[in-house]
Structure formats: C-alpha cells, structure tokens
Protein backbone atom coordinates (compact mmCIF):
# COMPACT_ATOMS: atom_id res chain seq x y z
CA MET A 1 7.10 27.29 -7.13
CA HIS A 2 5.50 27.41 -3.25
CA PHE A 3 2.10 27.43 -5.17
CA LEU A 4 2.94 24.52 -7.34
CA VAL A 5 4.18 22.34 -4.10
CA ALA A 6 1.25 23.30 -1.99
CA ALA A 7 -1.02 22.46 -5.01
CA LEU A 8 1.05 18.88 -5.43
CA LEU A 9 0.60 18.39 -1.22
CA TRP A 10 -3.23 18.75 -1.81
CA ALA A 11 -3.92 16.25 -4.56
CA VAL A 12 -1.58 13.65 -2.40
CA PHE A 13 -4.04 14.53 0.28
CA LEU A 14 -7.23 14.48 -1.63
CA TRP A 15 -6.08 10.88 -3.51
CA ARG A 16 -5.62 9.22 0.17
CA MET A 17 -8.65 10.80 1.62
CA PRO A 18 -10.53 7.23 0.65
CA SER A 19 -8.01 5.80 2.93
CA LEU A 20 -9.16 7.72 6.51
CA ARG A 21 -11.27 4.69 6.61
CA HIS A 22 -9.14 1.83 6.63
CA SER A 23 -6.93 2.49 9.52
CA ALA A 24 -5.73 4.73 11.99
CA LYS A 25 -2.19 4.82 11.04
CA GLN A 26 -3.67 5.52 7.21
CA ARG A 27 -5.51 8.61 9.21
CA THR A 28 -2.45 9.52 10.33
CA LEU A 29 -0.61 9.59 7.16
CA CYS A 30 -3.35 11.64 6.00
CA LEU A 31 -3.21 14.22 8.58
CA ALA A 32 0.59 14.48 8.01
CA PHE A 33 0.15 15.46 4.61
CA ALA A 34 -2.97 18.01 5.43
CA ALA A 35 -0.78 19.80 7.55
CA LEU A 36 1.97 19.62 5.26
CA ALA A 37 0.00 20.97 2.38
CA LEU A 38 -1.51 23.95 4.66
CA ALA A 39 2.41 24.87 6.05
CA MET A 40 3.20 25.19 2.41
CA THR A 41 -0.45 27.16 1.50
CA PHE A 42 0.76 29.42 4.33
CA GLU A 43 4.31 30.01 2.12
CA VAL A 44 2.11 31.38 -0.65
CA PRO A 45 2.75 35.35 -0.12
CA GLN A 46 -0.65 36.17 -1.27
CA VAL A 47 -1.97 33.51 1.42
CA ALA A 48 0.59 35.19 3.84
CA ASP A 49 -0.09 38.54 3.18
CA TRP A 50 -3.99 38.30 3.32
CA VAL A 51 -3.67 36.28 6.62
CA ASP A 52 -1.68 39.04 8.40
CA THR A 53 -4.17 41.50 7.26
CA THR A 54 -6.63 39.53 8.39
CA THR A 55 -5.80 38.41 11.78
CA GLY A 56 -4.06 41.88 12.25
CA VAL A 57 -1.01 40.39 13.42
CA ALA A 58 2.16 40.78 11.31
CA ASN A 59 3.89 37.36 10.60
CA SER A 60 0.72 35.24 11.95
CA ALA A 61 1.00 33.43 8.54
CA TYR A 62 4.74 32.29 9.52
CA LEU A 63 3.72 30.99 12.81
CA ALA A 64 0.59 29.26 11.05
CA LYS A 65 3.49 27.58 9.22
CA HIS A 66 5.73 26.86 11.34
CA LEU A 67 2.82 24.99 13.78
CA PHE A 68 1.39 23.05 10.50
CA GLY A 69 5.10 21.90 9.64
CA ALA A 70 5.22 20.63 13.39
CA VAL A 71 1.67 18.45 13.30
CA SER A 72 3.29 16.81 9.99
CA ALA A 73 6.70 15.93 11.38
CA SER A 74 4.91 14.49 14.26
CA ALA A 75 2.33 12.49 11.96
CA VAL A 76 5.37 11.27 9.79
CA LEU A 77 6.69 9.82 12.78
CA GLY A 78 3.60 8.58 14.18
CA PHE A 79 2.70 6.82 11.03
CA VAL A 80 6.07 5.19 10.83
CA ILE A 81 5.74 3.98 14.39
CA ALA A 82 2.20 2.41 13.63
CA ILE A 83 4.07 0.68 10.73
CA VAL A 84 7.76 -0.22 12.85
CA ARG A 85 6.75 -0.63 16.20
CA PRO A 86 2.78 -1.18 16.69
CA GLU A 87 3.07 -1.27 20.02
CA GLY A 88 4.53 1.84 20.65
CA PHE A 89 7.93 4.11 21.02
CA PHE A 90 8.54 6.07 23.68
CA GLY A 91 4.72 7.45 23.36
CA ARG A 92 4.28 9.70 26.22
CA THR A 93 7.80 10.99 25.82
CA ARG A 94 6.70 12.05 22.52
CA LEU A 95 3.56 13.66 23.70
CA VAL A 96 5.65 15.69 26.08
CA VAL A 97 8.28 16.92 23.62
CA GLN A 98 5.12 17.64 21.00
CA THR A 99 3.11 19.96 23.76
CA VAL A 100 6.50 21.79 24.82
CA SER A 101 7.66 22.65 21.13
CA TYR A 102 4.18 23.98 19.72
CA THR A 103 4.02 25.89 22.72
CA ALA A 104 7.52 27.17 23.16
CA MET A 105 6.76 27.95 19.48
CA VAL A 106 3.80 30.08 20.11
CA VAL A 107 5.20 31.53 22.89
CA THR A 108 8.20 32.65 21.57
CA PHE A 109 6.56 34.19 18.58
CA LEU A 110 4.46 36.20 21.12
CA LEU A 111 7.62 37.76 22.91
CA ALA A 112 9.12 38.12 19.48
CA PRO A 113 8.96 42.20 18.02
CA ASP A 114 5.85 42.29 16.47
CA ARG A 115 7.54 43.64 12.76
CA PRO A 116 6.41 43.35 9.48
CA GLY A 117 8.84 40.92 7.19
CA TYR A 118 7.49 37.58 6.67
CA LEU A 119 10.07 36.84 3.63
CA GLU A 120 12.72 38.04 5.88
CA TYR A 121 11.82 37.25 9.13
CA LEU A 122 15.35 36.19 10.61
CA GLU A 123 16.86 38.88 8.89
CA SER A 124 14.53 41.23 10.26
CA ASN A 125 14.50 40.41 13.73
CA ALA A 126 18.37 39.30 14.33
CA ASP A 127 18.34 41.56 17.29
CA SER A 128 15.75 39.41 19.07
CA PRO A 129 16.68 36.37 20.87
CA TRP A 130 12.61 35.37 21.46
CA ALA A 131 12.59 35.63 17.32
CA ILE A 132 15.66 33.46 17.02
CA ALA A 133 14.31 30.77 19.58
CA HIS A 134 10.97 30.76 17.95
CA VAL A 135 12.84 29.49 14.65
CA ALA A 136 15.01 27.37 16.46
CA VAL A 137 12.63 25.41 18.41
CA PHE A 138 10.77 24.93 15.05
CA THR A 139 14.58 23.95 13.23
CA VAL A 140 15.10 21.34 16.20
CA TYR A 141 12.26 19.89 16.46
CA ILE A 142 11.90 19.25 12.74
CA GLY A 143 15.56 17.68 12.66
CA LEU A 144 15.13 15.37 15.55
CA SER A 145 11.30 14.19 14.24
CA MET A 146 12.85 13.68 10.81
CA THR A 147 16.34 11.62 12.52
CA ALA A 148 13.82 9.41 13.98
CA ALA A 149 11.50 8.66 11.14
CA THR A 150 14.45 8.19 8.55
CA TRP A 151 15.59 5.70 10.93
CA PHE A 152 12.42 3.45 10.77
CA PHE A 153 11.41 3.89 7.45
CA LEU A 154 14.56 2.50 6.70
CA TYR A 155 14.53 0.24 9.04
CA ALA A 156 11.10 -0.81 7.50
CA ALA A 157 12.58 -0.64 3.74
CA ARG A 158 15.17 -3.76 4.60
CA HIS A 159 12.16 -5.86 6.09
CA ALA A 160 9.31 -4.99 3.68
CA ARG A 161 8.65 -8.13 1.28
CA ASP A 162 6.66 -6.44 -1.23
CA GLY A 163 9.20 -4.05 -3.85
CA TRP A 164 6.65 -0.95 -4.18
CA VAL A 165 6.30 -1.35 -0.45
CA ARG A 166 10.33 -1.52 0.05
CA ALA A 167 10.34 1.40 -2.63
CA GLY A 168 7.99 3.79 -1.11
CA HIS A 169 9.33 3.33 2.86
CA THR A 170 12.90 4.04 0.82
CA PHE A 171 12.00 7.44 -0.61
CA LEU A 172 10.15 8.36 2.26
CA GLY A 173 13.42 7.72 4.57
CA ILE A 174 15.03 9.41 1.87
CA GLY A 175 12.98 12.56 2.29
CA CYS A 176 13.01 12.40 5.80
CA GLY A 177 17.19 12.29 5.86
CA LEU A 178 16.97 15.30 3.23
CA GLY A 179 14.51 17.04 6.10
CA ILE A 180 17.39 16.33 8.44
CA GLY A 181 19.80 18.00 5.92
CA TYR A 182 17.46 21.05 5.99
CA SER A 183 17.54 21.31 9.79
CA LEU A 184 21.14 21.36 9.84
CA VAL A 185 21.62 23.73 7.29
CA ARG A 186 18.69 25.85 8.67
CA LEU A 187 20.58 25.73 12.20
CA CYS A 188 23.41 27.31 10.70
CA TYR A 189 21.65 29.54 9.45
CA ILE A 190 20.33 30.96 12.16
CA GLY A 191 23.68 30.79 13.99
CA ALA A 192 24.64 33.19 11.25
CA CYS A 193 21.61 35.25 11.83
CA PHE A 194 21.99 35.98 15.39
CA GLY A 195 22.65 39.40 16.81
CA THR A 196 23.98 40.57 12.87
CA PRO A 197 21.99 39.59 9.59
CA PRO A 198 24.23 38.52 7.10
CA VAL A 199 24.78 40.31 3.89
CA ASP A 200 22.38 39.59 1.07
CA THR A 201 24.09 37.09 -0.95
CA THR A 202 24.68 34.75 2.22
CA ALA A 203 21.51 35.02 3.49
CA ALA A 204 20.60 34.25 -0.52
CA ARG A 205 23.02 31.04 -0.70
CA TYR A 206 21.80 29.65 2.65
CA GLU A 207 17.93 30.47 1.60
CA GLY A 208 18.54 28.68 -1.61
CA VAL A 209 19.93 25.42 -0.40
CA CYS A 210 17.30 25.35 2.33
CA ASP A 211 14.20 25.84 0.01
CA LEU A 212 15.97 23.31 -2.16
CA LEU A 213 16.31 20.73 0.80
CA LYS A 214 12.63 21.59 1.53
CA MET A 215 11.25 20.97 -2.03
CA ALA A 216 13.43 17.73 -2.20
CA ALA A 217 11.78 16.13 1.19
CA ILE A 218 8.58 17.13 0.15
CA VAL A 219 8.78 15.62 -3.28
CA CYS A 220 10.33 12.30 -1.61
CA ILE A 221 7.94 11.97 0.83
CA ALA A 222 4.94 12.37 -1.54
CA LEU A 223 6.37 9.95 -4.00
CA GLY A 224 6.92 7.12 -1.33
CA SER A 225 4.05 7.75 0.29
CA CYS A 226 1.93 6.88 -3.13
CA LEU A 227 4.00 3.78 -3.81
CA ALA A 228 2.74 1.61 -1.45
CA PRO A 229 -1.11 2.07 -2.20
CA ILE A 230 0.04 1.19 -5.83
CA SER A 231 1.11 -2.07 -4.54
CA VAL A 232 -2.32 -2.90 -3.12
CA ALA A 233 -3.79 -1.87 -6.72
CA THR A 234 -1.48 -4.28 -8.40
CA ARG A 235 -2.16 -6.73 -5.82
CA ALA A 236 -6.37 -6.02 -6.44
CA ALA A 237 -5.30 -6.49 -10.27
CA HIS A 238 -3.77 -9.55 -10.07
CA GLN A 239 -6.19 -11.38 -7.70
CA TRP A 240 -9.24 -9.88 -10.22
CA ARG A 241 -7.08 -11.44 -12.93
CA ALA A 242 -6.99 -14.98 -11.50
CA LEU A 243 -10.93 -15.01 -10.41
CA ARG A 244 -11.32 -14.41 -14.18
CA ASP A 245 -9.01 -17.30 -14.89
CA LEU A 246 -10.94 -19.58 -12.47
CA ALA A 247 -14.20 -19.25 -13.85
CA PRO A 248 -14.01 -22.08 -16.52
CA LEU A 249 -13.31 -24.28 -14.11
CA TRP A 250 -15.44 -22.84 -11.29
CA ARG A 251 -18.31 -22.81 -13.47
CA GLY A 252 -17.92 -26.12 -14.87
CA LEU A 253 -17.51 -28.11 -11.34
CA THR A 254 -19.90 -26.13 -9.35
CA ALA A 255 -22.48 -26.47 -11.87
CA ALA A 256 -21.82 -30.35 -11.50
CA ALA A 257 -21.91 -30.02 -7.82
CA PRO A 258 -23.97 -26.82 -6.81
CA HIS A 259 -23.85 -27.98 -2.99
CA VAL A 260 -20.58 -26.98 -2.39
CA VAL A 261 -21.37 -23.24 -3.27
CA LEU A 262 -21.65 -20.69 -0.42
CA HIS A 263 -24.88 -18.32 -1.16
CA ASN A 264 -23.86 -15.69 1.00
CA GLU A 265 -22.76 -12.80 -1.17
CA LEU A 266 -19.27 -10.92 -0.36
CA PRO A 267 -18.95 -7.24 -1.51
CA ARG A 268 -17.04 -6.92 -5.05
CA ARG A 269 -14.08 -4.93 -2.97
CA ARG A 270 -12.91 -7.96 -1.23
CA VAL A 271 -11.49 -9.33 -4.25
CA GLU A 272 -9.02 -11.59 -1.69
CA ARG A 273 -11.75 -13.31 0.10
CA ARG A 274 -13.62 -13.63 -3.00
CA LEU A 275 -10.46 -15.61 -4.66
CA ARG A 276 -9.93 -17.44 -1.40
CA ARG A 277 -13.68 -18.91 -1.67
CA ARG A 278 -13.68 -19.98 -4.90
CA ILE A 279 -10.42 -22.02 -4.69
CA VAL A 280 -12.24 -23.72 -1.80
CA GLU A 281 -15.42 -24.38 -3.62
CA ILE A 282 -13.20 -25.86 -6.68
CA GLU A 283 -11.53 -28.02 -4.07
CA ASP A 284 -14.77 -29.24 -2.53
CA ALA A 285 -16.07 -29.93 -6.06
CA ILE A 286 -12.83 -31.85 -6.81
CA LEU A 287 -13.81 -34.15 -3.98
CA ALA A 288 -17.03 -34.26 -4.11
CA LEU A 289 -17.04 -35.17 -8.06
CA SER A 290 -13.91 -37.57 -7.61
CA GLU A 291 -16.41 -40.14 -6.42
CA ARG A 292 -18.45 -40.22 -9.47
CA VAL A 293 -15.12 -42.15 -11.41
CA PRO A 294 -13.15 -44.84 -11.01
CA ALA A 295 -9.13 -44.48 -9.98
CA SER A 296 -8.09 -45.71 -13.79
CA LEU A 297 -9.81 -42.57 -15.49
CA GLN A 298 -6.69 -40.76 -14.20
CA ASP A 299 -4.37 -43.21 -15.79
CA GLU A 300 -6.39 -42.90 -19.04
CA ALA A 301 -6.35 -38.94 -18.47
CA ARG A 302 -2.52 -38.64 -18.40
CA ASP A 303 -1.95 -41.16 -21.30
CA HIS A 304 -4.39 -38.38 -23.25
CA ALA A 305 -2.34 -35.35 -22.05
CA ARG A 306 1.03 -36.87 -23.34
CA ARG A 307 -0.21 -37.40 -26.72
CA LEU A 308 -0.66 -33.72 -26.54
CA THR A 309 2.11 -32.38 -25.46
CA PRO A 310 5.84 -33.35 -24.26
CA ASN A 311 5.72 -30.68 -21.65
CA PRO A 312 5.71 -32.53 -18.20
CA THR A 313 3.68 -29.41 -16.26
CA ALA A 314 1.34 -29.07 -19.28
CA GLN A 315 0.71 -33.08 -19.28
CA ASP A 316 -0.29 -32.69 -15.20
CA THR A 317 -2.66 -29.82 -15.92
CA ARG A 318 -3.89 -31.23 -18.88
CA ALA A 319 -4.65 -34.78 -17.57
CA GLU A 320 -6.27 -33.09 -14.18
CA ALA A 321 -8.58 -31.07 -16.55
CA ALA A 322 -9.69 -33.93 -17.88
CA TRP A 323 -10.51 -36.42 -15.55
CA LEU A 324 -12.27 -33.52 -13.99
CA ALA A 325 -14.43 -32.59 -16.82
CA THR A 326 -15.49 -36.32 -17.26
CA ALA A 327 -16.52 -36.13 -13.53
CA ALA A 328 -18.44 -33.04 -13.89
CA THR A 329 -19.93 -35.09 -17.08
CA LEU A 330 -21.01 -38.11 -14.88
CA ALA A 331 -22.24 -36.03 -11.83
CA PRO A 332 -25.71 -37.12 -12.30
CA THR A 333 -25.06 -40.62 -12.33
CA LYS A 334 -24.17 -42.76 -9.19
CA ALA A 335 -21.29 -42.80 -7.13
CA TYR A 336 -18.48 -45.69 -8.45
CA ARG A 337 -18.13 -48.37 -6.54
CA GLY A 338 -14.37 -48.70 -5.66
CA ASP A 339 -11.05 -46.89 -5.89
CA HIS A 340 -11.70 -43.31 -6.77
CA PRO A 341 -9.19 -40.49 -8.47
CA GLU A 342 -6.39 -38.71 -6.09
CA PRO A 343 -6.64 -34.78 -6.78
CA THR A 344 -3.62 -33.52 -6.96
CA VAL A 345 -3.56 -31.23 -3.50
CA ASP A 346 0.38 -31.39 -2.77
CA HIS A 347 0.97 -27.44 -3.17
CA PRO A 348 3.19 -25.76 -0.66
CA GLY A 349 1.02 -22.83 -0.37
CA PHE A 350 -1.69 -20.27 -0.98
CA GLN A 351 0.13 -18.88 -4.36
CA ALA A 352 1.25 -22.27 -5.78
CA GLU A 353 -2.59 -23.88 -5.02
CA LEU A 354 -4.03 -20.99 -7.21
CA ASP A 355 -0.86 -21.31 -10.03
CA TRP A 356 -1.94 -24.92 -10.05
CA LEU A 357 -5.80 -24.10 -10.37
CA ARG A 358 -5.10 -21.49 -12.78
CA ARG A 359 -3.32 -23.69 -15.46
CA VAL A 360 -6.13 -26.53 -14.85
CA SER A 361 -8.76 -24.37 -15.55
CA THR A 362 -7.10 -23.45 -18.52
CA ALA A 363 -6.55 -26.68 -19.76
CA TYR A 364 -10.06 -27.65 -18.72
CA ASN A 365 -11.61 -24.80 -21.15
CA THR A 366 -10.55 -26.72 -24.53
CA PRO A 367 -11.81 -28.75 -27.29
CA GLU A 368 -9.41 -31.65 -26.20
CA THR A 369 -10.51 -31.63 -22.96
CA ARG A 370 -14.09 -31.44 -23.77
CA ALA A 371 -13.76 -34.39 -26.43
CA PHE A 372 -12.01 -36.45 -23.93
CA ALA A 373 -14.83 -36.07 -21.26
CA ALA A 374 -17.67 -36.68 -23.53
CA GLN A 375 -15.86 -40.33 -25.18
CA ALA A 376 -14.71 -41.35 -21.47
CA ALA A 377 -18.02 -40.33 -20.22
CA ALA A 378 -19.55 -42.27 -22.80
CA ARG A 379 -17.85 -45.03 -22.05
CA LEU A 380 -18.09 -45.10 -18.10
CA ASN A 381 -21.99 -44.62 -18.65
CA LEU A 382 -22.12 -47.94 -20.98
CA ALA A 383 -20.12 -49.72 -18.55
CA LYS A 384 -22.35 -49.05 -15.54
CA ALA A 385 -25.12 -50.17 -17.87
CA THR A 386 -23.79 -53.29 -18.66
CA THR A 387 -22.86 -53.98 -15.02
CA THR A 388 -26.35 -53.12 -14.28
CA VAL A 389 -27.96 -55.39 -16.53
C-alpha cells in the first residue's frame, strides 16, 4: 500500500512539474507533493531498511519521513494562503513555528534511544520521553497546519466561481480535514503509548485507523490538486473551439480589410490572447467595411433572414452575416456616400460578444448568405455605376 501511494504522489508531482515556471504558488504546491512523495517513499520498508543501513543510524528513515511530511504540510498551507491571502498570513510567525518544530523534531530524535524498530518506533521507545516528544511534535505540527489549511481551502471553495476549481478546493479541504483526524487519533495513541506500550490489538487498531486516515487524506489532496488544472485545460479547449468557429468570419472580413490585421505573431499557447485579438480584428473590419454599403442594406438583410427562419435570434445573426458578406464583396469599391449600417455591438461582456460573433460566423459561411451577398453586391454596383453616369 505504501509503495502504491508513493507512486501516486510521484506521478502527481511529475504531472505538475511543467507548472513550476508559472508562479510561486504553483512551485509551492509542487514542493508539497515532492516532499510528501519522499515522506511516503521512506515509509516503504525496503527503502527504510536501506536508509538505516546506509546511514548507520537506527530509524533515520523515520526521522526523514517526519521532516519531509512537515515540509509538505508547510507547503500545502503556503499554497492555500497564496490563494486566499496573497498579502500573507502571519508570515514571520509561521516561519518561526516551522523552524522551531523542525529543530525540535531533530533534537528529540537524537536524544531518543538508538533502538532499531522502524515499524514499532513508539512501542519500542515507550519509556523514552524524547521519543514520545519527537512523535508528538510532528503530530501537533501536522494538526495545526492542516487545521489552518482546511479553513482556508473551504473558504476558497465557497468563493470560487469555476466549478472545477471549487471542487478541487473542496477535495483539498476534505483531505486536510482528514489530516486533522489523523493527528487527533495519533495524539490519542501517543498518550496510550506513554510509559507502557499498549497491547497488540490496541496498537493494531490505532495504526489501522491512522493509516486509513492518512491514505484517504493523501488521495483527496492529490485528487483536489488535479481538478483545478482540468479547469484550465477545459477553458483552453473551449477557446480553441471558439477560434475555429470564428475562422470563417475572420477570414472573410480580414481578406476584404487586411489593414486591420496585426502582424506580430502570438505563441500558440496564448490561446486567450489570440482569441481576444481575433475578436478585435473582426470588430475593426466590420467598422471599416460598413462604409462600403448603405444603411438600407440592413433592412434588406433582415427581410432575407425572416424568409429563412422564424427564430428571432437566428434572424438577427443571419441578417448581420448577410450585410457583412455584401460589404466584404464591395470592399474594393469606393465608400458609400450617405448613412451606413450600424453594427450590432450592444453586448454586456466579452463572453456575450464572443457567442454573438460565433453565431454570425456560422451564418456567414452558408450558401444563403453567399447568394444574398452576390445579388446585393451586383445590384449596388449597378446602382453606383448608374449614379456615376
């Protein structure tokens, strides 16, 4: 079991490694998983035996497990504080508590008897106040860290707008809450071990509950940390789909008004910026091309759309696409003297504007729109020629 959990944690750490370059809080979360993976690796009996043999110090793997476990708890708390309180939360006090706790764990371990028995450290050293203090310091530190982290994660979950992020913070909060339960049970067991080790059945019961709580906490934390990146990937997929949906309208309008296109390239990974730029270029092209046609063309386009569909929303997008296609066709001609069409720009936000342009782009790429544009452009060209003569 310990080997499987350690493998899971290493897999999560490797999966999150690309996020190291993104921000300090992502690096903190990666540190948490690296430390937790190391702590669980030192719980694997074969690894623990190898470490003790190599160092020549009995239970040195036990000390390493506690130190890396404490570092992981500190990093998890630092990560959630960076989310909820970017300005910091008792930064100097937390640093002092960390330093004192880490030092106390090392000192009490060194003062405890050097007896072999990694798997039964408490039972083997029940007569040593130093050994009891070593485990107690680690357990109290984990309990305090997980208590603060639980509150912050659940607070972040309540205020998260994205569903995936909210679920991720909830699982992280549950995982830290299970860590509190682990600490409480462990403290009860430490009290039971003090002076006289408990009988085997009691020890097995306590260890079983502690292991169950610890494994459940690790799984919840690992799962919770993986849900927020799913939100990022899902949003990127939606943005790529939106870029693809806007392509027919963007190509048609920017081919007719190429001067609106910004030629400095954006990296492919900057999907949102590419999408926003494409929308700006479409809107600039619409304003430029509207000068090529008369305002009456909009009324003709609306009549055309009403003949095609009874749906008011579909009528609006088809009408918009129809007069835009006509204006693009007439791009090489001179500007029309008189009133021009008024583009539909009354949208409450970016997402509403994006949805509208995606629907217009779909209507723009239809045979009915192309037929309307060809006929209207021919008629307007003829009218211009007659007026000129």
